[in-house]
Amino acid sequence: MGALIIEVSAVILIIYGVIILSGKKFVIPKLIERIYWLFVLWAGFITSSIVEGRISIAILIISGLFFIIYMILNEKNKYIICNVNSEQIIEIIREYLTFKGVKIAQEKNELILSGRYKGKINIDCNFSSIVINLKMIDKKIRLNLLRHIKIELNKFKGKKYSLEGYIYIFIGLIVIFIFARKTL
């Protein structure tokens, strides 16, 4: 059962890699990515341990709940934006916030909001994707900004070279190859 879960996860990883290589620009909640990795690591490997009798179901449930609560608290209102660079995202955010009359200052990978809507937006780069943390800004601005980002992403044409897509496909193929050999 654990091997099947891991193989399905590897197929999902390959599909994700192909989507990234396609150049499609999209936004996904960071929480979804974390849940996927929890599914791969926790469900796959620990399920096989339960079947083999090395770990109890109670420990599995308690550890799973702990990780889920931690992820919800830590990853909520963080978003991954794929196939763009930080300058493009900063341009979209600045355009929207300026239109809304919010004053903005930039320090390295942070946009600091002042005036009526005080807060901070963190922007981190990972391969071909950007992670934006919108936790520290007003909910109304956050939701409208996120909607604006999703709409404006289509303005940026052209593909961005993505090593990340190749890495996901490569890892997925290796995992499938390893587990296919174990089941033969």
N, C-alpha and C. Protein backbone atom coordinates (compact mmCIF):
# COMPACT_ATOMS: atom_id res chain seq x y z
N MET A 1 0.83 -1.20 0.00
CA MET A 1 0.00 0.00 0.00
C MET A 1 0.87 1.26 0.00
N GLY A 2 1.92 1.25 0.84
CA GLY A 2 2.81 2.41 0.92
C GLY A 2 3.51 2.68 -0.40
N ALA A 3 3.91 1.58 -1.11
CA ALA A 3 4.59 1.74 -2.40
C ALA A 3 3.64 2.34 -3.43
N LEU A 4 2.38 1.96 -3.40
CA LEU A 4 1.40 2.51 -4.33
C LEU A 4 1.21 4.01 -4.10
N ILE A 5 1.12 4.41 -2.84
CA ILE A 5 0.97 5.83 -2.51
C ILE A 5 2.18 6.62 -3.00
N ILE A 6 3.35 6.07 -2.81
CA ILE A 6 4.57 6.75 -3.25
C ILE A 6 4.62 6.83 -4.77
N GLU A 7 4.22 5.76 -5.47
CA GLU A 7 4.22 5.79 -6.93
C GLU A 7 3.21 6.81 -7.47
N VAL A 8 2.04 6.89 -6.87
CA VAL A 8 1.04 7.90 -7.28
C VAL A 8 1.60 9.30 -7.04
N SER A 9 2.25 9.48 -5.92
CA SER A 9 2.86 10.78 -5.61
C SER A 9 3.94 11.14 -6.63
N ALA A 10 4.70 10.15 -7.07
CA ALA A 10 5.74 10.38 -8.07
C ALA A 10 5.11 10.80 -9.40
N VAL A 11 4.00 10.18 -9.77
CA VAL A 11 3.31 10.56 -11.00
C VAL A 11 2.82 12.00 -10.90
N ILE A 12 2.27 12.38 -9.74
CA ILE A 12 1.82 13.76 -9.53
C ILE A 12 3.00 14.72 -9.64
N LEU A 13 4.14 14.32 -9.11
CA LEU A 13 5.35 15.14 -9.19
C LEU A 13 5.79 15.34 -10.65
N ILE A 14 5.71 14.29 -11.44
CA ILE A 14 6.07 14.39 -12.86
C ILE A 14 5.10 15.32 -13.58
N ILE A 15 3.81 15.20 -13.30
CA ILE A 15 2.81 16.07 -13.93
C ILE A 15 3.08 17.53 -13.55
N TYR A 16 3.39 17.78 -12.29
CA TYR A 16 3.70 19.13 -11.83
C TYR A 16 4.93 19.67 -12.57
N GLY A 17 5.95 18.83 -12.74
CA GLY A 17 7.14 19.22 -13.47
C GLY A 17 6.84 19.59 -14.91
N VAL A 18 5.98 18.81 -15.57
CA VAL A 18 5.61 19.09 -16.95
C VAL A 18 4.84 20.41 -17.04
N ILE A 19 3.95 20.66 -16.08
CA ILE A 19 3.19 21.92 -16.06
C ILE A 19 4.14 23.10 -15.91
N ILE A 20 5.12 22.97 -15.04
CA ILE A 20 6.10 24.05 -14.86
C ILE A 20 6.90 24.26 -16.15
N LEU A 21 7.31 23.18 -16.79
CA LEU A 21 8.07 23.30 -18.04
C LEU A 21 7.25 23.91 -19.17
N SER A 22 5.93 23.79 -19.09
CA SER A 22 5.07 24.35 -20.14
C SER A 22 5.12 25.88 -20.16
N GLY A 23 5.56 26.47 -19.07
CA GLY A 23 5.64 27.93 -18.99
C GLY A 23 4.36 28.57 -18.48
N LYS A 24 3.37 27.77 -18.16
CA LYS A 24 2.10 28.29 -17.64
C LYS A 24 2.36 29.02 -16.33
N LYS A 25 1.81 30.19 -16.22
CA LYS A 25 1.96 30.99 -15.00
C LYS A 25 0.73 30.76 -14.14
N PHE A 26 0.95 30.37 -12.89
CA PHE A 26 -0.18 30.08 -12.01
C PHE A 26 0.20 30.32 -10.55
N VAL A 27 -0.84 30.41 -9.73
CA VAL A 27 -0.68 30.65 -8.30
C VAL A 27 -1.30 29.48 -7.55
N ILE A 28 -0.55 28.92 -6.59
CA ILE A 28 -1.11 27.89 -5.72
C ILE A 28 -0.78 28.25 -4.28
N PRO A 29 -1.69 27.94 -3.37
CA PRO A 29 -1.37 28.18 -1.95
C PRO A 29 -0.20 27.29 -1.50
N LYS A 30 0.70 27.85 -0.75
CA LYS A 30 1.85 27.10 -0.23
C LYS A 30 1.38 25.92 0.61
N LEU A 31 0.25 26.08 1.27
CA LEU A 31 -0.31 25.02 2.10
C LEU A 31 -0.59 23.77 1.27
N ILE A 32 -1.05 23.93 0.03
CA ILE A 32 -1.31 22.78 -0.84
C ILE A 32 -0.02 22.03 -1.14
N GLU A 33 1.05 22.77 -1.41
CA GLU A 33 2.34 22.14 -1.66
C GLU A 33 2.81 21.36 -0.43
N ARG A 34 2.68 21.98 0.73
CA ARG A 34 3.11 21.31 1.97
C ARG A 34 2.29 20.07 2.25
N ILE A 35 1.00 20.12 1.98
CA ILE A 35 0.14 18.95 2.18
C ILE A 35 0.56 17.83 1.24
N TYR A 36 0.92 18.18 0.02
CA TYR A 36 1.41 17.17 -0.93
C TYR A 36 2.65 16.50 -0.37
N TRP A 37 3.63 17.29 0.08
CA TRP A 37 4.87 16.69 0.60
C TRP A 37 4.60 15.87 1.86
N LEU A 38 3.66 16.31 2.69
CA LEU A 38 3.28 15.51 3.85
C LEU A 38 2.69 14.19 3.38
N PHE A 39 1.85 14.25 2.36
CA PHE A 39 1.24 13.04 1.80
C PHE A 39 2.32 12.09 1.31
N VAL A 40 3.30 12.61 0.58
CA VAL A 40 4.37 11.77 0.04
C VAL A 40 5.19 11.14 1.16
N LEU A 41 5.70 11.97 2.04
CA LEU A 41 6.61 11.47 3.07
C LEU A 41 5.89 10.70 4.17
N TRP A 42 4.88 11.33 4.72
CA TRP A 42 4.21 10.77 5.88
C TRP A 42 3.37 9.56 5.50
N ALA A 43 2.48 9.72 4.55
CA ALA A 43 1.58 8.63 4.20
C ALA A 43 2.32 7.47 3.57
N GLY A 44 3.21 7.75 2.65
CA GLY A 44 3.91 6.67 1.96
C GLY A 44 4.83 5.85 2.85
N PHE A 45 5.77 6.51 3.48
CA PHE A 45 6.76 5.78 4.26
C PHE A 45 6.19 5.25 5.57
N ILE A 46 5.36 6.01 6.23
CA ILE A 46 4.83 5.56 7.52
C ILE A 46 3.79 4.46 7.32
N THR A 47 3.02 4.53 6.24
CA THR A 47 2.06 3.46 5.97
C THR A 47 2.78 2.14 5.80
N SER A 48 3.89 2.15 5.09
CA SER A 48 4.64 0.90 4.93
C SER A 48 5.19 0.43 6.28
N SER A 49 5.54 1.35 7.18
CA SER A 49 6.03 0.99 8.51
C SER A 49 4.92 0.35 9.35
N ILE A 50 3.69 0.85 9.20
CA ILE A 50 2.56 0.27 9.94
C ILE A 50 2.31 -1.15 9.46
N VAL A 51 2.33 -1.34 8.15
CA VAL A 51 2.09 -2.67 7.59
C VAL A 51 3.15 -3.65 8.11
N GLU A 52 4.37 -3.18 8.22
CA GLU A 52 5.45 -4.03 8.71
C GLU A 52 5.47 -4.12 10.23
N GLY A 53 4.62 -3.35 10.92
CA GLY A 53 4.51 -3.42 12.37
C GLY A 53 5.56 -2.64 13.13
N ARG A 54 6.24 -1.68 12.48
CA ARG A 54 7.30 -0.93 13.15
C ARG A 54 6.78 0.31 13.87
N ILE A 55 5.54 0.72 13.61
CA ILE A 55 5.01 1.94 14.23
C ILE A 55 3.51 1.75 14.46
N SER A 56 2.99 2.37 15.51
CA SER A 56 1.57 2.19 15.82
C SER A 56 0.72 3.24 15.10
N ILE A 57 -0.55 2.93 14.93
CA ILE A 57 -1.49 3.84 14.28
C ILE A 57 -1.68 5.10 15.12
N ALA A 58 -1.65 4.98 16.44
CA ALA A 58 -1.81 6.15 17.31
C ALA A 58 -0.70 7.17 17.08
N ILE A 59 0.53 6.70 16.96
CA ILE A 59 1.65 7.60 16.69
C ILE A 59 1.47 8.26 15.33
N LEU A 60 1.00 7.50 14.36
CA LEU A 60 0.75 8.02 13.02
C LEU A 60 -0.28 9.14 13.07
N ILE A 61 -1.39 8.93 13.75
CA ILE A 61 -2.45 9.93 13.83
C ILE A 61 -1.98 11.18 14.57
N ILE A 62 -1.33 11.00 15.70
CA ILE A 62 -0.85 12.14 16.50
C ILE A 62 0.18 12.95 15.71
N SER A 63 1.13 12.28 15.09
CA SER A 63 2.16 13.01 14.33
C SER A 63 1.54 13.70 13.13
N GLY A 64 0.60 13.05 12.46
CA GLY A 64 -0.08 13.66 11.32
C GLY A 64 -0.85 14.91 11.71
N LEU A 65 -1.58 14.85 12.81
CA LEU A 65 -2.33 16.02 13.29
C LEU A 65 -1.39 17.15 13.67
N PHE A 66 -0.29 16.81 14.32
CA PHE A 66 0.70 17.82 14.69
C PHE A 66 1.22 18.55 13.45
N PHE A 67 1.61 17.79 12.42
CA PHE A 67 2.13 18.41 11.20
C PHE A 67 1.08 19.23 10.47
N ILE A 68 -0.15 18.74 10.43
CA ILE A 68 -1.21 19.48 9.75
C ILE A 68 -1.49 20.80 10.46
N ILE A 69 -1.57 20.78 11.78
CA ILE A 69 -1.80 22.02 12.54
C ILE A 69 -0.64 22.99 12.35
N TYR A 70 0.58 22.48 12.41
CA TYR A 70 1.76 23.31 12.20
C TYR A 70 1.73 23.96 10.82
N MET A 71 1.41 23.17 9.80
CA MET A 71 1.38 23.70 8.43
C MET A 71 0.30 24.76 8.27
N ILE A 72 -0.87 24.52 8.84
CA ILE A 72 -1.95 25.50 8.73
C ILE A 72 -1.54 26.82 9.37
N LEU A 73 -0.93 26.75 10.53
CA LEU A 73 -0.52 27.97 11.23
C LEU A 73 0.64 28.66 10.52
N ASN A 74 1.57 27.90 9.97
CA ASN A 74 2.78 28.47 9.39
C ASN A 74 2.63 28.86 7.91
N GLU A 75 1.87 28.12 7.15
CA GLU A 75 1.84 28.32 5.70
C GLU A 75 0.59 29.05 5.19
N LYS A 76 -0.34 29.37 6.07
CA LYS A 76 -1.55 30.06 5.64
C LYS A 76 -1.19 31.45 5.09
N ASN A 77 -1.83 31.83 4.01
CA ASN A 77 -1.63 33.12 3.34
C ASN A 77 -0.25 33.27 2.70
N LYS A 78 0.39 32.15 2.39
CA LYS A 78 1.60 32.14 1.58
C LYS A 78 1.22 31.50 0.26
N TYR A 79 1.76 32.04 -0.83
CA TYR A 79 1.39 31.56 -2.16
C TYR A 79 2.63 31.37 -3.01
N ILE A 80 2.59 30.33 -3.86
CA ILE A 80 3.66 30.06 -4.79
C ILE A 80 3.17 30.53 -6.16
N ILE A 81 3.98 31.34 -6.83
CA ILE A 81 3.65 31.82 -8.16
C ILE A 81 4.72 31.26 -9.10
N CYS A 82 4.30 30.43 -10.03
CA CYS A 82 5.24 29.71 -10.88
C CYS A 82 5.47 30.40 -12.22
N ASN A 83 6.70 30.24 -12.70
CA ASN A 83 7.14 30.71 -14.02
C ASN A 83 7.16 32.23 -14.18
N VAL A 84 7.49 32.92 -13.13
CA VAL A 84 7.68 34.36 -13.17
C VAL A 84 8.93 34.69 -12.38
N ASN A 85 9.40 35.92 -12.53
CA ASN A 85 10.52 36.34 -11.70
C ASN A 85 10.04 37.39 -10.69
N SER A 86 10.87 37.69 -9.74
CA SER A 86 10.45 38.58 -8.65
C SER A 86 10.13 39.99 -9.15
N GLU A 87 10.86 40.45 -10.18
CA GLU A 87 10.58 41.80 -10.69
C GLU A 87 9.16 41.90 -11.25
N GLN A 88 8.71 40.86 -11.92
CA GLN A 88 7.35 40.86 -12.48
C GLN A 88 6.31 40.91 -11.37
N ILE A 89 6.52 40.13 -10.33
CA ILE A 89 5.56 40.10 -9.22
C ILE A 89 5.57 41.43 -8.46
N ILE A 90 6.75 41.96 -8.22
CA ILE A 90 6.85 43.24 -7.53
C ILE A 90 6.14 44.33 -8.34
N GLU A 91 6.30 44.28 -9.67
CA GLU A 91 5.63 45.26 -10.54
C GLU A 91 4.10 45.15 -10.41
N ILE A 92 3.58 43.93 -10.41
CA ILE A 92 2.13 43.72 -10.27
C ILE A 92 1.64 44.23 -8.91
N ILE A 93 2.37 43.90 -7.85
CA ILE A 93 1.97 44.30 -6.49
C ILE A 93 2.03 45.82 -6.36
N ARG A 94 3.12 46.43 -6.83
CA ARG A 94 3.25 47.89 -6.75
C ARG A 94 2.13 48.59 -7.52
N GLU A 95 1.84 48.09 -8.71
CA GLU A 95 0.78 48.69 -9.53
C GLU A 95 -0.56 48.67 -8.79
N TYR A 96 -0.89 47.53 -8.19
CA TYR A 96 -2.16 47.42 -7.49
C TYR A 96 -2.21 48.31 -6.25
N LEU A 97 -1.16 48.23 -5.43
CA LEU A 97 -1.16 48.98 -4.18
C LEU A 97 -1.11 50.49 -4.43
N THR A 98 -0.39 50.92 -5.46
CA THR A 98 -0.36 52.33 -5.83
C THR A 98 -1.75 52.79 -6.26
N PHE A 99 -2.42 51.95 -7.06
CA PHE A 99 -3.78 52.26 -7.50
C PHE A 99 -4.71 52.42 -6.29
N LYS A 100 -4.50 51.61 -5.25
CA LYS A 100 -5.32 51.67 -4.04
C LYS A 100 -4.89 52.77 -3.08
N GLY A 101 -3.82 53.49 -3.42
CA GLY A 101 -3.36 54.60 -2.58
C GLY A 101 -2.53 54.17 -1.38
N VAL A 102 -1.96 52.98 -1.44
CA VAL A 102 -1.14 52.48 -0.35
C VAL A 102 0.31 52.88 -0.62
N LYS A 103 0.97 53.44 0.38
CA LYS A 103 2.38 53.82 0.25
C LYS A 103 3.24 52.57 0.46
N ILE A 104 4.28 52.45 -0.39
CA ILE A 104 5.11 51.25 -0.37
C ILE A 104 6.58 51.63 -0.31
N ALA A 105 7.33 50.91 0.51
CA ALA A 105 8.79 51.03 0.54
C ALA A 105 9.34 49.62 0.35
N GLN A 106 10.46 49.51 -0.37
CA GLN A 106 11.03 48.20 -0.62
C GLN A 106 12.37 48.07 0.08
N GLU A 107 12.53 46.95 0.80
CA GLU A 107 13.80 46.60 1.44
C GLU A 107 14.12 45.17 1.08
N LYS A 108 15.15 44.96 0.27
CA LYS A 108 15.56 43.64 -0.21
C LYS A 108 14.35 42.87 -0.74
N ASN A 109 13.95 41.78 -0.08
CA ASN A 109 12.81 41.02 -0.57
C ASN A 109 11.55 41.26 0.26
N GLU A 110 11.35 42.49 0.67
CA GLU A 110 10.15 42.86 1.42
C GLU A 110 9.56 44.15 0.86
N LEU A 111 8.25 44.17 0.78
CA LEU A 111 7.53 45.40 0.48
C LEU A 111 6.84 45.82 1.77
N ILE A 112 7.14 47.02 2.23
CA ILE A 112 6.57 47.51 3.48
C ILE A 112 5.48 48.51 3.16
N LEU A 113 4.28 48.22 3.65
CA LEU A 113 3.12 49.06 3.41
C LEU A 113 2.95 50.03 4.57
N SER A 114 2.63 51.27 4.26
CA SER A 114 2.38 52.24 5.32
C SER A 114 1.11 53.01 5.00
N GLY A 115 0.70 53.82 5.94
CA GLY A 115 -0.54 54.55 5.77
C GLY A 115 -1.70 53.77 6.37
N ARG A 116 -2.82 53.80 5.70
CA ARG A 116 -4.04 53.15 6.20
C ARG A 116 -3.87 51.63 6.35
N TYR A 117 -3.18 51.02 5.39
CA TYR A 117 -2.99 49.55 5.41
C TYR A 117 -1.53 49.23 5.72
N LYS A 118 -1.20 49.22 6.98
CA LYS A 118 0.17 48.89 7.36
C LYS A 118 0.38 47.39 7.27
N GLY A 119 1.59 47.00 6.91
CA GLY A 119 1.91 45.59 6.83
C GLY A 119 3.19 45.36 6.05
N LYS A 120 3.43 44.09 5.76
CA LYS A 120 4.66 43.71 5.09
C LYS A 120 4.38 42.51 4.18
N ILE A 121 4.96 42.53 2.98
CA ILE A 121 4.85 41.41 2.06
C ILE A 121 6.26 40.89 1.82
N ASN A 122 6.49 39.63 2.17
CA ASN A 122 7.79 38.99 1.93
C ASN A 122 7.75 38.29 0.58
N ILE A 123 8.84 38.40 -0.16
CA ILE A 123 8.94 37.78 -1.48
C ILE A 123 10.24 36.98 -1.52
N ASP A 124 10.12 35.66 -1.73
CA ASP A 124 11.29 34.78 -1.81
C ASP A 124 11.31 34.09 -3.17
N CYS A 125 12.51 33.93 -3.73
CA CYS A 125 12.66 33.28 -5.03
C CYS A 125 13.15 31.85 -4.84
N ASN A 126 12.51 30.91 -5.55
CA ASN A 126 12.92 29.51 -5.56
C ASN A 126 12.91 29.03 -7.00
N PHE A 127 14.06 28.78 -7.58
CA PHE A 127 14.17 28.32 -8.97
C PHE A 127 13.32 29.18 -9.88
N SER A 128 12.21 28.62 -10.39
CA SER A 128 11.38 29.35 -11.35
C SER A 128 10.10 29.87 -10.70
N SER A 129 10.03 29.83 -9.40
CA SER A 129 8.82 30.28 -8.72
C SER A 129 9.14 31.30 -7.64
N ILE A 130 8.11 32.03 -7.28
CA ILE A 130 8.22 33.05 -6.25
C ILE A 130 7.26 32.66 -5.13
N VAL A 131 7.70 32.81 -3.89
CA VAL A 131 6.81 32.59 -2.76
C VAL A 131 6.53 33.95 -2.15
N ILE A 132 5.25 34.31 -2.09
CA ILE A 132 4.89 35.57 -1.45
C ILE A 132 4.14 35.27 -0.17
N ASN A 133 4.50 35.98 0.87
CA ASN A 133 3.87 35.83 2.17
C ASN A 133 2.97 37.05 2.40
N LEU A 134 1.67 36.81 2.39
CA LEU A 134 0.71 37.90 2.56
C LEU A 134 0.06 37.88 3.95
N LYS A 135 0.69 37.18 4.89
CA LYS A 135 0.13 37.05 6.25
C LYS A 135 -0.02 38.39 6.96
N MET A 136 0.93 39.27 6.73
CA MET A 136 1.02 40.47 7.55
C MET A 136 0.34 41.69 6.93
N ILE A 137 -0.64 41.45 6.05
CA ILE A 137 -1.38 42.58 5.51
C ILE A 137 -2.88 42.37 5.73
N ASP A 138 -3.62 43.43 5.62
CA ASP A 138 -5.07 43.43 5.84
C ASP A 138 -5.74 42.39 4.94
N LYS A 139 -6.74 41.70 5.48
CA LYS A 139 -7.41 40.62 4.76
C LYS A 139 -8.05 41.10 3.46
N LYS A 140 -8.71 42.26 3.50
CA LYS A 140 -9.38 42.77 2.31
C LYS A 140 -8.36 43.06 1.20
N ILE A 141 -7.27 43.71 1.55
CA ILE A 141 -6.21 44.00 0.58
C ILE A 141 -5.60 42.69 0.08
N ARG A 142 -5.36 41.74 0.99
CA ARG A 142 -4.75 40.46 0.63
C ARG A 142 -5.58 39.73 -0.43
N LEU A 143 -6.88 39.62 -0.21
CA LEU A 143 -7.74 38.90 -1.15
C LEU A 143 -7.82 39.60 -2.50
N ASN A 144 -7.95 40.91 -2.48
CA ASN A 144 -8.01 41.66 -3.74
C ASN A 144 -6.67 41.64 -4.48
N LEU A 145 -5.57 41.73 -3.73
CA LEU A 145 -4.24 41.69 -4.33
C LEU A 145 -4.01 40.33 -4.98
N LEU A 146 -4.37 39.27 -4.30
CA LEU A 146 -4.20 37.93 -4.85
C LEU A 146 -5.02 37.76 -6.13
N ARG A 147 -6.23 38.24 -6.13
CA ARG A 147 -7.09 38.19 -7.32
C ARG A 147 -6.44 38.98 -8.47
N HIS A 148 -5.91 40.15 -8.14
CA HIS A 148 -5.24 41.00 -9.14
C HIS A 148 -4.00 40.30 -9.71
N ILE A 149 -3.22 39.66 -8.87
CA ILE A 149 -2.03 38.95 -9.32
C ILE A 149 -2.42 37.85 -10.30
N LYS A 150 -3.44 37.08 -9.98
CA LYS A 150 -3.89 35.99 -10.86
C LYS A 150 -4.31 36.51 -12.23
N ILE A 151 -4.96 37.65 -12.25
CA ILE A 151 -5.41 38.24 -13.52
C ILE A 151 -4.22 38.78 -14.32
N GLU A 152 -3.33 39.47 -13.65
CA GLU A 152 -2.22 40.16 -14.31
C GLU A 152 -1.10 39.22 -14.78
N LEU A 153 -1.03 38.02 -14.25
CA LEU A 153 0.03 37.09 -14.65
C LEU A 153 0.01 36.81 -16.15
N ASN A 154 -1.17 36.83 -16.73
CA ASN A 154 -1.29 36.52 -18.16
C ASN A 154 -0.69 37.60 -19.05
N LYS A 155 -0.41 38.78 -18.51
CA LYS A 155 0.20 39.85 -19.30
C LYS A 155 1.64 39.53 -19.69
N PHE A 156 2.31 38.76 -18.86
CA PHE A 156 3.72 38.46 -19.10
C PHE A 156 3.84 37.28 -20.04
N LYS A 157 4.34 37.56 -21.21
CA LYS A 157 4.49 36.52 -22.24
C LYS A 157 5.90 35.96 -22.19
N GLY A 158 6.07 34.85 -22.84
CA GLY A 158 7.39 34.23 -22.92
C GLY A 158 7.58 33.22 -21.81
N LYS A 159 8.44 32.26 -22.09
CA LYS A 159 8.73 31.21 -21.12
C LYS A 159 9.97 31.59 -20.33
N LYS A 160 9.97 31.15 -19.11
CA LYS A 160 11.14 31.30 -18.27
C LYS A 160 11.76 29.92 -18.14
N TYR A 161 13.07 29.81 -18.39
CA TYR A 161 13.73 28.51 -18.29
C TYR A 161 13.56 27.98 -16.88
N SER A 162 13.19 26.71 -16.78
CA SER A 162 12.88 26.16 -15.48
C SER A 162 13.65 24.88 -15.18
N LEU A 163 14.67 25.00 -14.40
CA LEU A 163 15.39 23.83 -13.92
C LEU A 163 14.51 23.03 -12.95
N GLU A 164 13.64 23.74 -12.25
CA GLU A 164 12.76 23.12 -11.27
C GLU A 164 11.87 22.04 -11.90
N GLY A 165 11.31 22.31 -13.07
CA GLY A 165 10.47 21.33 -13.75
C GLY A 165 11.23 20.06 -14.07
N TYR A 166 12.46 20.21 -14.57
CA TYR A 166 13.29 19.04 -14.87
C TYR A 166 13.61 18.25 -13.60
N ILE A 167 13.87 18.95 -12.52
CA ILE A 167 14.19 18.28 -11.25
C ILE A 167 13.00 17.46 -10.77
N TYR A 168 11.79 18.03 -10.82
CA TYR A 168 10.60 17.29 -10.39
C TYR A 168 10.37 16.06 -11.25
N ILE A 169 10.53 16.19 -12.56
CA ILE A 169 10.35 15.05 -13.45
C ILE A 169 11.40 13.98 -13.17
N PHE A 170 12.65 14.39 -13.00
CA PHE A 170 13.73 13.45 -12.72
C PHE A 170 13.50 12.69 -11.42
N ILE A 171 13.14 13.41 -10.36
CA ILE A 171 12.89 12.76 -9.07
C ILE A 171 11.70 11.80 -9.18
N GLY A 172 10.65 12.23 -9.85
CA GLY A 172 9.48 11.36 -10.03
C GLY A 172 9.83 10.08 -10.77
N LEU A 173 10.63 10.20 -11.84
CA LEU A 173 11.03 9.01 -12.60
C LEU A 173 11.91 8.07 -11.77
N ILE A 174 12.81 8.64 -10.98
CA ILE A 174 13.67 7.82 -10.13
C ILE A 174 12.82 7.05 -9.11
N VAL A 175 11.89 7.74 -8.47
CA VAL A 175 11.03 7.09 -7.47
C VAL A 175 10.23 5.96 -8.11
N ILE A 176 9.64 6.22 -9.28
CA ILE A 176 8.87 5.18 -9.96
C ILE A 176 9.77 4.00 -10.32
N PHE A 177 10.97 4.29 -10.82
CA PHE A 177 11.89 3.22 -11.19
C PHE A 177 12.28 2.38 -9.98
N ILE A 178 12.58 3.03 -8.86
CA ILE A 178 12.97 2.31 -7.64
C ILE A 178 11.83 1.43 -7.14
N PHE A 179 10.62 1.97 -7.07
CA PHE A 179 9.51 1.20 -6.53
C PHE A 179 8.99 0.17 -7.52
N ALA A 180 9.15 0.42 -8.83
CA ALA A 180 8.76 -0.58 -9.83
C ALA A 180 9.67 -1.78 -9.73
N ARG A 181 10.95 -1.55 -9.47
CA ARG A 181 11.90 -2.67 -9.32
C ARG A 181 11.62 -3.46 -8.06
N LYS A 182 11.16 -2.80 -6.99
CA LYS A 182 10.87 -3.51 -5.73
C LYS A 182 9.65 -4.41 -5.86
N THR A 183 8.69 -4.00 -6.71
CA THR A 183 7.47 -4.81 -6.83
C THR A 183 7.60 -5.95 -7.81
N LEU A 184 8.68 -5.98 -8.60
CA LEU A 184 8.88 -7.08 -9.56
C LEU A 184 9.38 -8.32 -8.89
